[in-house]
Amino acid sequence: MAMATRAAYGKALAKLVQENQDVVVLDADLAGSTKTGDAKAVCPQRHFDMGIAEGNMMGVAAGLAASGKIAYASSFAMFAAGRAF
């Protein structure tokens, strides 16, 4: 049976956070929709809900990546690109 892309993404993130201590997941108040809640369920200390602030979330993800973490920032494309408008 086929699986929605977002469901597969959530399952993959949950597996990644369990396998690698450097993986962190950032979300913009959309954990249920983007399925990052799957990662939060297995490793809540490495899941960060940044609220409705995608621009800030991208900056935090960049800072985490610069410090050696593997950051997955999740949102909808419309909101992630919203800083331009």
PDB file of N, CA and C in Angstrom:
ATOM      1  N   MET A   1       0.831  -1.176   0.000  1.00  0.00           N
ATOM      2  CA  MET A   1       0.000   0.000   0.000  1.00  0.00           C
ATOM      3  C   MET A   1       0.882   1.247   0.000  1.00  0.00           C
ATOM      4  N   ALA A   2       0.493   2.247  -0.744  1.00  0.00           N
ATOM      5  CA  ALA A   2       1.267   3.475  -0.858  1.00  0.00           C
ATOM      6  C   ALA A   2       1.190   4.288   0.435  1.00  0.00           C
ATOM      7  N   MET A   3       2.257   5.036   0.696  1.00  0.00           N
ATOM      8  CA  MET A   3       2.323   5.877   1.890  1.00  0.00           C
ATOM      9  C   MET A   3       2.512   7.322   1.446  1.00  0.00           C
ATOM     10  N   ALA A   4       1.826   8.224   2.087  1.00  0.00           N
ATOM     11  CA  ALA A   4       1.989   9.647   1.781  1.00  0.00           C
ATOM     12  C   ALA A   4       3.439  10.061   2.034  1.00  0.00           C
ATOM     13  N   THR A   5       3.924  10.982   1.234  1.00  0.00           N
ATOM     14  CA  THR A   5       5.302  11.446   1.367  1.00  0.00           C
ATOM     15  C   THR A   5       5.582  11.983   2.767  1.00  0.00           C
ATOM     16  N   ARG A   6       4.667  12.760   3.309  1.00  0.00           N
ATOM     17  CA  ARG A   6       4.898  13.319   4.636  1.00  0.00           C
ATOM     18  C   ARG A   6       4.931  12.254   5.721  1.00  0.00           C
ATOM     19  N   ALA A   7       4.162  11.184   5.549  1.00  0.00           N
ATOM     20  CA  ALA A   7       4.187  10.076   6.515  1.00  0.00           C
ATOM     21  C   ALA A   7       5.538   9.360   6.456  1.00  0.00           C
ATOM     22  N   ALA A   8       6.044   9.145   5.248  1.00  0.00           N
ATOM     23  CA  ALA A   8       7.353   8.511   5.084  1.00  0.00           C
ATOM     24  C   ALA A   8       8.451   9.403   5.675  1.00  0.00           C
ATOM     25  N   TYR A   9       8.330  10.704   5.480  1.00  0.00           N
ATOM     26  CA  TYR A   9       9.291  11.665   6.033  1.00  0.00           C
ATOM     27  C   TYR A   9       9.303  11.580   7.563  1.00  0.00           C
ATOM     28  N   GLY A  10       8.147  11.564   8.163  1.00  0.00           N
ATOM     29  CA  GLY A  10       8.057  11.460   9.622  1.00  0.00           C
ATOM     30  C   GLY A  10       8.677  10.186  10.152  1.00  0.00           C
ATOM     31  N   LYS A  11       8.400   9.081   9.499  1.00  0.00           N
ATOM     32  CA  LYS A  11       8.972   7.794   9.921  1.00  0.00           C
ATOM     33  C   LYS A  11      10.491   7.791   9.765  1.00  0.00           C
ATOM     34  N   ALA A  12      10.968   8.356   8.660  1.00  0.00           N
ATOM     35  CA  ALA A  12      12.416   8.415   8.433  1.00  0.00           C
ATOM     36  C   ALA A  12      13.103   9.297   9.476  1.00  0.00           C
ATOM     37  N   LEU A  13      12.506  10.452   9.812  1.00  0.00           N
ATOM     38  CA  LEU A  13      13.088  11.320  10.834  1.00  0.00           C
ATOM     39  C   LEU A  13      13.121  10.637  12.190  1.00  0.00           C
ATOM     40  N   ALA A  14      12.063   9.905  12.515  1.00  0.00           N
ATOM     41  CA  ALA A  14      12.026   9.186  13.794  1.00  0.00           C
ATOM     42  C   ALA A  14      13.159   8.172  13.866  1.00  0.00           C
ATOM     43  N   LYS A  15      13.409   7.514  12.761  1.00  0.00           N
ATOM     44  CA  LYS A  15      14.498   6.539  12.719  1.00  0.00           C
ATOM     45  C   LYS A  15      15.862   7.235  12.822  1.00  0.00           C
ATOM     46  N   LEU A  16      16.018   8.356  12.112  1.00  0.00           N
ATOM     47  CA  LEU A  16      17.289   9.086  12.129  1.00  0.00           C
ATOM     48  C   LEU A  16      17.641   9.614  13.510  1.00  0.00           C
ATOM     49  N   VAL A  17      16.672  10.180  14.235  1.00  0.00           N
ATOM     50  CA  VAL A  17      16.996  10.726  15.556  1.00  0.00           C
ATOM     51  C   VAL A  17      17.362   9.629  16.545  1.00  0.00           C
ATOM     52  N   GLN A  18      16.859   8.434  16.312  1.00  0.00           N
ATOM     53  CA  GLN A  18      17.223   7.315  17.179  1.00  0.00           C
ATOM     54  C   GLN A  18      18.616   6.792  16.864  1.00  0.00           C
ATOM     55  N   GLU A  19      19.019   6.866  15.602  1.00  0.00           N
ATOM     56  CA  GLU A  19      20.292   6.304  15.164  1.00  0.00           C
ATOM     57  C   GLU A  19      21.478   7.255  15.300  1.00  0.00           C
ATOM     58  N   ASN A  20      21.229   8.572  15.285  1.00  0.00           N
ATOM     59  CA  ASN A  20      22.322   9.540  15.252  1.00  0.00           C
ATOM     60  C   ASN A  20      22.059  10.655  16.261  1.00  0.00           C
ATOM     61  N   GLN A  21      22.925  10.781  17.243  1.00  0.00           N
ATOM     62  CA  GLN A  21      22.778  11.785  18.304  1.00  0.00           C
ATOM     63  C   GLN A  21      22.909  13.224  17.800  1.00  0.00           C
ATOM     64  N   ASP A  22      23.455  13.409  16.613  1.00  0.00           N
ATOM     65  CA  ASP A  22      23.639  14.758  16.082  1.00  0.00           C
ATOM     66  C   ASP A  22      22.433  15.278  15.320  1.00  0.00           C
ATOM     67  N   VAL A  23      21.449  14.441  15.061  1.00  0.00           N
ATOM     68  CA  VAL A  23      20.262  14.854  14.313  1.00  0.00           C
ATOM     69  C   VAL A  23      19.313  15.611  15.235  1.00  0.00           C
ATOM     70  N   VAL A  24      18.890  16.797  14.783  1.00  0.00           N
ATOM     71  CA  VAL A  24      17.887  17.587  15.489  1.00  0.00           C
ATOM     72  C   VAL A  24      16.778  17.947  14.497  1.00  0.00           C
ATOM     73  N   VAL A  25      15.573  18.075  15.017  1.00  0.00           N
ATOM     74  CA  VAL A  25      14.413  18.368  14.176  1.00  0.00           C
ATOM     75  C   VAL A  25      13.782  19.670  14.646  1.00  0.00           C
ATOM     76  N   LEU A  26      13.582  20.592  13.722  1.00  0.00           N
ATOM     77  CA  LEU A  26      12.938  21.857  14.021  1.00  0.00           C
ATOM     78  C   LEU A  26      11.627  21.933  13.253  1.00  0.00           C
ATOM     79  N   ASP A  27      10.625  22.488  13.900  1.00  0.00           N
ATOM     80  CA  ASP A  27       9.314  22.569  13.287  1.00  0.00           C
ATOM     81  C   ASP A  27       8.706  23.928  13.582  1.00  0.00           C
ATOM     82  N   ALA A  28       7.862  24.406  12.697  1.00  0.00           N
ATOM     83  CA  ALA A  28       7.225  25.717  12.853  1.00  0.00           C
ATOM     84  C   ALA A  28       5.745  25.546  13.192  1.00  0.00           C
ATOM     85  N   ASP A  29       5.493  24.906  14.307  1.00  0.00           N
ATOM     86  CA  ASP A  29       4.132  24.709  14.810  1.00  0.00           C
ATOM     87  C   ASP A  29       3.283  23.855  13.870  1.00  0.00           C
ATOM     88  N   LEU A  30       3.927  22.936  13.152  1.00  0.00           N
ATOM     89  CA  LEU A  30       3.217  22.084  12.184  1.00  0.00           C
ATOM     90  C   LEU A  30       3.571  20.609  12.342  1.00  0.00           C
ATOM     91  N   ALA A  31       3.945  20.175  13.537  1.00  0.00           N
ATOM     92  CA  ALA A  31       4.415  18.800  13.740  1.00  0.00           C
ATOM     93  C   ALA A  31       3.398  17.752  13.307  1.00  0.00           C
ATOM     94  N   GLY A  32       2.123  18.041  13.475  1.00  0.00           N
ATOM     95  CA  GLY A  32       1.101  17.089  13.051  1.00  0.00           C
ATOM     96  C   GLY A  32       0.983  17.015  11.534  1.00  0.00           C
ATOM     97  N   SER A  33       1.082  18.145  10.887  1.00  0.00           N
ATOM     98  CA  SER A  33       0.942  18.195   9.431  1.00  0.00           C
ATOM     99  C   SER A  33       2.184  17.718   8.695  1.00  0.00           C
ATOM    100  N   THR A  34       3.368  18.090   9.200  1.00  0.00           N
ATOM    101  CA  THR A  34       4.611  17.686   8.534  1.00  0.00           C
ATOM    102  C   THR A  34       5.089  16.316   9.002  1.00  0.00           C
ATOM    103  N   LYS A  35       4.441  15.799  10.023  1.00  0.00           N
ATOM    104  CA  LYS A  35       4.737  14.485  10.624  1.00  0.00           C
ATOM    105  C   LYS A  35       6.056  14.439  11.378  1.00  0.00           C
ATOM    106  N   THR A  36       6.612  15.607  11.731  1.00  0.00           N
ATOM    107  CA  THR A  36       7.802  15.593  12.567  1.00  0.00           C
ATOM    108  C   THR A  36       7.464  15.177  13.997  1.00  0.00           C
ATOM    109  N   GLY A  37       6.191  15.127  14.298  1.00  0.00           N
ATOM    110  CA  GLY A  37       5.754  14.634  15.601  1.00  0.00           C
ATOM    111  C   GLY A  37       6.195  13.203  15.847  1.00  0.00           C
ATOM    112  N   ASP A  38       6.432  12.442  14.771  1.00  0.00           N
ATOM    113  CA  ASP A  38       6.951  11.071  14.910  1.00  0.00           C
ATOM    114  C   ASP A  38       8.329  11.095  15.565  1.00  0.00           C
ATOM    115  N   ALA A  39       9.174  12.050  15.162  1.00  0.00           N
ATOM    116  CA  ALA A  39      10.507  12.179  15.755  1.00  0.00           C
ATOM    117  C   ALA A  39      10.394  12.659  17.198  1.00  0.00           C
ATOM    118  N   LYS A  40       9.467  13.569  17.443  1.00  0.00           N
ATOM    119  CA  LYS A  40       9.258  14.077  18.796  1.00  0.00           C
ATOM    120  C   LYS A  40       8.821  12.957  19.742  1.00  0.00           C
ATOM    121  N   ALA A  41       8.032  12.033  19.238  1.00  0.00           N
ATOM    122  CA  ALA A  41       7.543  10.932  20.068  1.00  0.00           C
ATOM    123  C   ALA A  41       8.667  10.026  20.557  1.00  0.00           C
ATOM    124  N   VAL A  42       9.703   9.849  19.729  1.00  0.00           N
ATOM    125  CA  VAL A  42      10.795   8.951  20.111  1.00  0.00           C
ATOM    126  C   VAL A  42      11.984   9.677  20.742  1.00  0.00           C
ATOM    127  N   CYS A  43      12.099  10.984  20.504  1.00  0.00           N
ATOM    128  CA  CYS A  43      13.239  11.732  21.033  1.00  0.00           C
ATOM    129  C   CYS A  43      12.853  13.204  21.241  1.00  0.00           C
ATOM    130  N   PRO A  44      12.017  13.485  22.235  1.00  0.00           N
ATOM    131  CA  PRO A  44      11.508  14.851  22.408  1.00  0.00           C
ATOM    132  C   PRO A  44      12.584  15.894  22.718  1.00  0.00           C
ATOM    133  N   GLN A  45      13.703  15.489  23.278  1.00  0.00           N
ATOM    134  CA  GLN A  45      14.754  16.451  23.617  1.00  0.00           C
ATOM    135  C   GLN A  45      15.484  16.998  22.400  1.00  0.00           C
ATOM    136  N   ARG A  46      15.299  16.386  21.233  1.00  0.00           N
ATOM    137  CA  ARG A  46      15.935  16.890  20.009  1.00  0.00           C
ATOM    138  C   ARG A  46      14.911  17.336  18.976  1.00  0.00           C
ATOM    139  N   HIS A  47      13.713  17.643  19.436  1.00  0.00           N
ATOM    140  CA  HIS A  47      12.659  18.213  18.585  1.00  0.00           C
ATOM    141  C   HIS A  47      12.333  19.596  19.126  1.00  0.00           C
ATOM    142  N   PHE A  48      12.447  20.599  18.278  1.00  0.00           N
ATOM    143  CA  PHE A  48      12.225  21.981  18.702  1.00  0.00           C
ATOM    144  C   PHE A  48      11.091  22.601  17.898  1.00  0.00           C
ATOM    145  N   ASP A  49      10.035  23.011  18.592  1.00  0.00           N
ATOM    146  CA  ASP A  49       8.927  23.713  17.950  1.00  0.00           C
ATOM    147  C   ASP A  49       9.230  25.199  18.040  1.00  0.00           C
ATOM    148  N   MET A  50       9.497  25.799  16.906  1.00  0.00           N
ATOM    149  CA  MET A  50       9.919  27.192  16.863  1.00  0.00           C
ATOM    150  C   MET A  50       8.741  28.154  16.760  1.00  0.00           C
ATOM    151  N   GLY A  51       7.528  27.635  16.782  1.00  0.00           N
ATOM    152  CA  GLY A  51       6.352  28.490  16.659  1.00  0.00           C
ATOM    153  C   GLY A  51       6.191  28.979  15.225  1.00  0.00           C
ATOM    154  N   ILE A  52       5.303  29.920  15.068  1.00  0.00           N
ATOM    155  CA  ILE A  52       5.021  30.439  13.726  1.00  0.00           C
ATOM    156  C   ILE A  52       6.083  31.487  13.397  1.00  0.00           C
ATOM    157  N   ALA A  53       7.289  31.007  13.118  1.00  0.00           N
ATOM    158  CA  ALA A  53       8.433  31.893  12.879  1.00  0.00           C
ATOM    159  C   ALA A  53       9.446  31.175  11.993  1.00  0.00           C
ATOM    160  N   GLU A  54       9.028  30.904  10.766  1.00  0.00           N
ATOM    161  CA  GLU A  54       9.883  30.134   9.868  1.00  0.00           C
ATOM    162  C   GLU A  54      11.232  30.780   9.603  1.00  0.00           C
ATOM    163  N   GLY A  55      11.268  32.089   9.449  1.00  0.00           N
ATOM    164  CA  GLY A  55      12.545  32.775   9.224  1.00  0.00           C
ATOM    165  C   GLY A  55      13.505  32.542  10.375  1.00  0.00           C
ATOM    166  N   ASN A  56      13.005  32.662  11.585  1.00  0.00           N
ATOM    167  CA  ASN A  56      13.815  32.400  12.774  1.00  0.00           C
ATOM    168  C   ASN A  56      14.242  30.931  12.805  1.00  0.00           C
ATOM    169  N   MET A  57      13.340  30.036  12.461  1.00  0.00           N
ATOM    170  CA  MET A  57      13.649  28.610  12.472  1.00  0.00           C
ATOM    171  C   MET A  57      14.818  28.295  11.535  1.00  0.00           C
ATOM    172  N   MET A  58      14.833  28.914  10.369  1.00  0.00           N
ATOM    173  CA  MET A  58      15.920  28.671   9.418  1.00  0.00           C
ATOM    174  C   MET A  58      17.251  29.181   9.974  1.00  0.00           C
ATOM    175  N   GLY A  59      17.221  30.317  10.670  1.00  0.00           N
ATOM    176  CA  GLY A  59      18.431  30.834  11.297  1.00  0.00           C
ATOM    177  C   GLY A  59      18.940  29.921  12.395  1.00  0.00           C
ATOM    178  N   VAL A  60      18.028  29.396  13.208  1.00  0.00           N
ATOM    179  CA  VAL A  60      18.406  28.464  14.269  1.00  0.00           C
ATOM    180  C   VAL A  60      18.971  27.185  13.658  1.00  0.00           C
ATOM    181  N   ALA A  61      18.338  26.694  12.599  1.00  0.00           N
ATOM    182  CA  ALA A  61      18.828  25.483  11.928  1.00  0.00           C
ATOM    183  C   ALA A  61      20.242  25.709  11.381  1.00  0.00           C
ATOM    184  N   ALA A  62      20.483  26.886  10.822  1.00  0.00           N
ATOM    185  CA  ALA A  62      21.817  27.201  10.307  1.00  0.00           C
ATOM    186  C   ALA A  62      22.842  27.234  11.435  1.00  0.00           C
ATOM    187  N   GLY A  63      22.473  27.820  12.553  1.00  0.00           N
ATOM    188  CA  GLY A  63      23.379  27.861  13.705  1.00  0.00           C
ATOM    189  C   GLY A  63      23.674  26.476  14.246  1.00  0.00           C
ATOM    190  N   LEU A  64      22.654  25.634  14.333  1.00  0.00           N
ATOM    191  CA  LEU A  64      22.869  24.257  14.794  1.00  0.00           C
ATOM    192  C   LEU A  64      23.775  23.499  13.829  1.00  0.00           C
ATOM    193  N   ALA A  65      23.547  23.699  12.531  1.00  0.00           N
ATOM    194  CA  ALA A  65      24.381  23.030  11.527  1.00  0.00           C
ATOM    195  C   ALA A  65      25.833  23.513  11.620  1.00  0.00           C
ATOM    196  N   ALA A  66      26.006  24.813  11.856  1.00  0.00           N
ATOM    197  CA  ALA A  66      27.360  25.368  11.984  1.00  0.00           C
ATOM    198  C   ALA A  66      28.080  24.824  13.215  1.00  0.00           C
ATOM    199  N   SER A  67      27.305  24.375  14.198  1.00  0.00           N
ATOM    200  CA  SER A  67      27.919  23.823  15.408  1.00  0.00           C
ATOM    201  C   SER A  67      28.017  22.303  15.384  1.00  0.00           C
ATOM    202  N   GLY A  68      27.791  21.713  14.212  1.00  0.00           N
ATOM    203  CA  GLY A  68      28.006  20.284  14.050  1.00  0.00           C
ATOM    204  C   GLY A  68      26.780  19.394  14.102  1.00  0.00           C
ATOM    205  N   LYS A  69      25.611  19.991  14.290  1.00  0.00           N
ATOM    206  CA  LYS A  69      24.381  19.193  14.307  1.00  0.00           C
ATOM    207  C   LYS A  69      23.865  18.999  12.883  1.00  0.00           C
ATOM    208  N   ILE A  70      23.042  17.989  12.705  1.00  0.00           N
ATOM    209  CA  ILE A  70      22.387  17.741  11.424  1.00  0.00           C
ATOM    210  C   ILE A  70      20.939  18.167  11.616  1.00  0.00           C
ATOM    211  N   ALA A  71      20.608  19.353  11.094  1.00  0.00           N
ATOM    212  CA  ALA A  71      19.308  19.965  11.352  1.00  0.00           C
ATOM    213  C   ALA A  71      18.326  19.716  10.213  1.00  0.00           C
ATOM    214  N   TYR A  72      17.136  19.279  10.584  1.00  0.00           N
ATOM    215  CA  TYR A  72      16.021  19.134   9.650  1.00  0.00           C
ATOM    216  C   TYR A  72      14.963  20.148  10.044  1.00  0.00           C
ATOM    217  N   ALA A  73      14.784  21.185   9.233  1.00  0.00           N
ATOM    218  CA  ALA A  73      13.790  22.223   9.490  1.00  0.00           C
ATOM    219  C   ALA A  73      12.589  21.958   8.593  1.00  0.00           C
ATOM    220  N   SER A  74      11.412  21.837   9.195  1.00  0.00           N
ATOM    221  CA  SER A  74      10.226  21.437   8.449  1.00  0.00           C
ATOM    222  C   SER A  74       9.114  22.474   8.527  1.00  0.00           C
ATOM    223  N   SER A  75       8.572  22.804   7.371  1.00  0.00           N
ATOM    224  CA  SER A  75       7.439  23.703   7.270  1.00  0.00           C
ATOM    225  C   SER A  75       6.801  23.488   5.905  1.00  0.00           C
ATOM    226  N   PHE A  76       5.817  24.290   5.591  1.00  0.00           N
ATOM    227  CA  PHE A  76       5.246  24.281   4.250  1.00  0.00           C
ATOM    228  C   PHE A  76       6.021  25.279   3.400  1.00  0.00           C
ATOM    229  N   ALA A  77       6.186  24.976   2.125  1.00  0.00           N
ATOM    230  CA  ALA A  77       6.969  25.835   1.232  1.00  0.00           C
ATOM    231  C   ALA A  77       6.457  27.271   1.248  1.00  0.00           C
ATOM    232  N   MET A  78       5.174  27.453   1.254  1.00  0.00           N
ATOM    233  CA  MET A  78       4.586  28.791   1.256  1.00  0.00           C
ATOM    234  C   MET A  78       5.070  29.605   2.464  1.00  0.00           C
ATOM    235  N   PHE A  79       5.151  28.976   3.606  1.00  0.00           N
ATOM    236  CA  PHE A  79       5.568  29.676   4.809  1.00  0.00           C
ATOM    237  C   PHE A  79       7.093  29.825   4.867  1.00  0.00           C
ATOM    238  N   ALA A  80       7.818  28.813   4.425  1.00  0.00           N
ATOM    239  CA  ALA A  80       9.284  28.865   4.469  1.00  0.00           C
ATOM    240  C   ALA A  80       9.831  29.971   3.562  1.00  0.00           C
ATOM    241  N   ALA A  81       9.170  30.195   2.452  1.00  0.00           N
ATOM    242  CA  ALA A  81       9.611  31.235   1.514  1.00  0.00           C
ATOM    243  C   ALA A  81       8.983  32.590   1.824  1.00  0.00           C
ATOM    244  N   GLY A  82       8.127  32.640   2.830  1.00  0.00           N
ATOM    245  CA  GLY A  82       7.369  33.853   3.134  1.00  0.00           C
ATOM    246  C   GLY A  82       8.194  35.057   3.513  1.00  0.00           C
ATOM    247  N   ARG A  83       9.409  34.850   3.929  1.00  0.00           N
ATOM    248  CA  ARG A  83      10.245  35.996   4.301  1.00  0.00           C
ATOM    249  C   ARG A  83      10.445  36.949   3.122  1.00  0.00           C
ATOM    250  N   ALA A  84      10.374  36.401   1.914  1.00  0.00           N
ATOM    251  CA  ALA A  84      10.571  37.219   0.719  1.00  0.00           C
ATOM    252  C   ALA A  84       9.430  38.203   0.485  1.00  0.00           C
ATOM    253  N   PHE A  85       8.260  37.907   1.028  1.00  0.00           N
ATOM    254  CA  PHE A  85       7.158  38.848   0.836  1.00  0.00           C
ATOM    255  C   PHE A  85       6.822  39.558   2.122  1.00  0.00           C
TER     256      PHE A  85
END
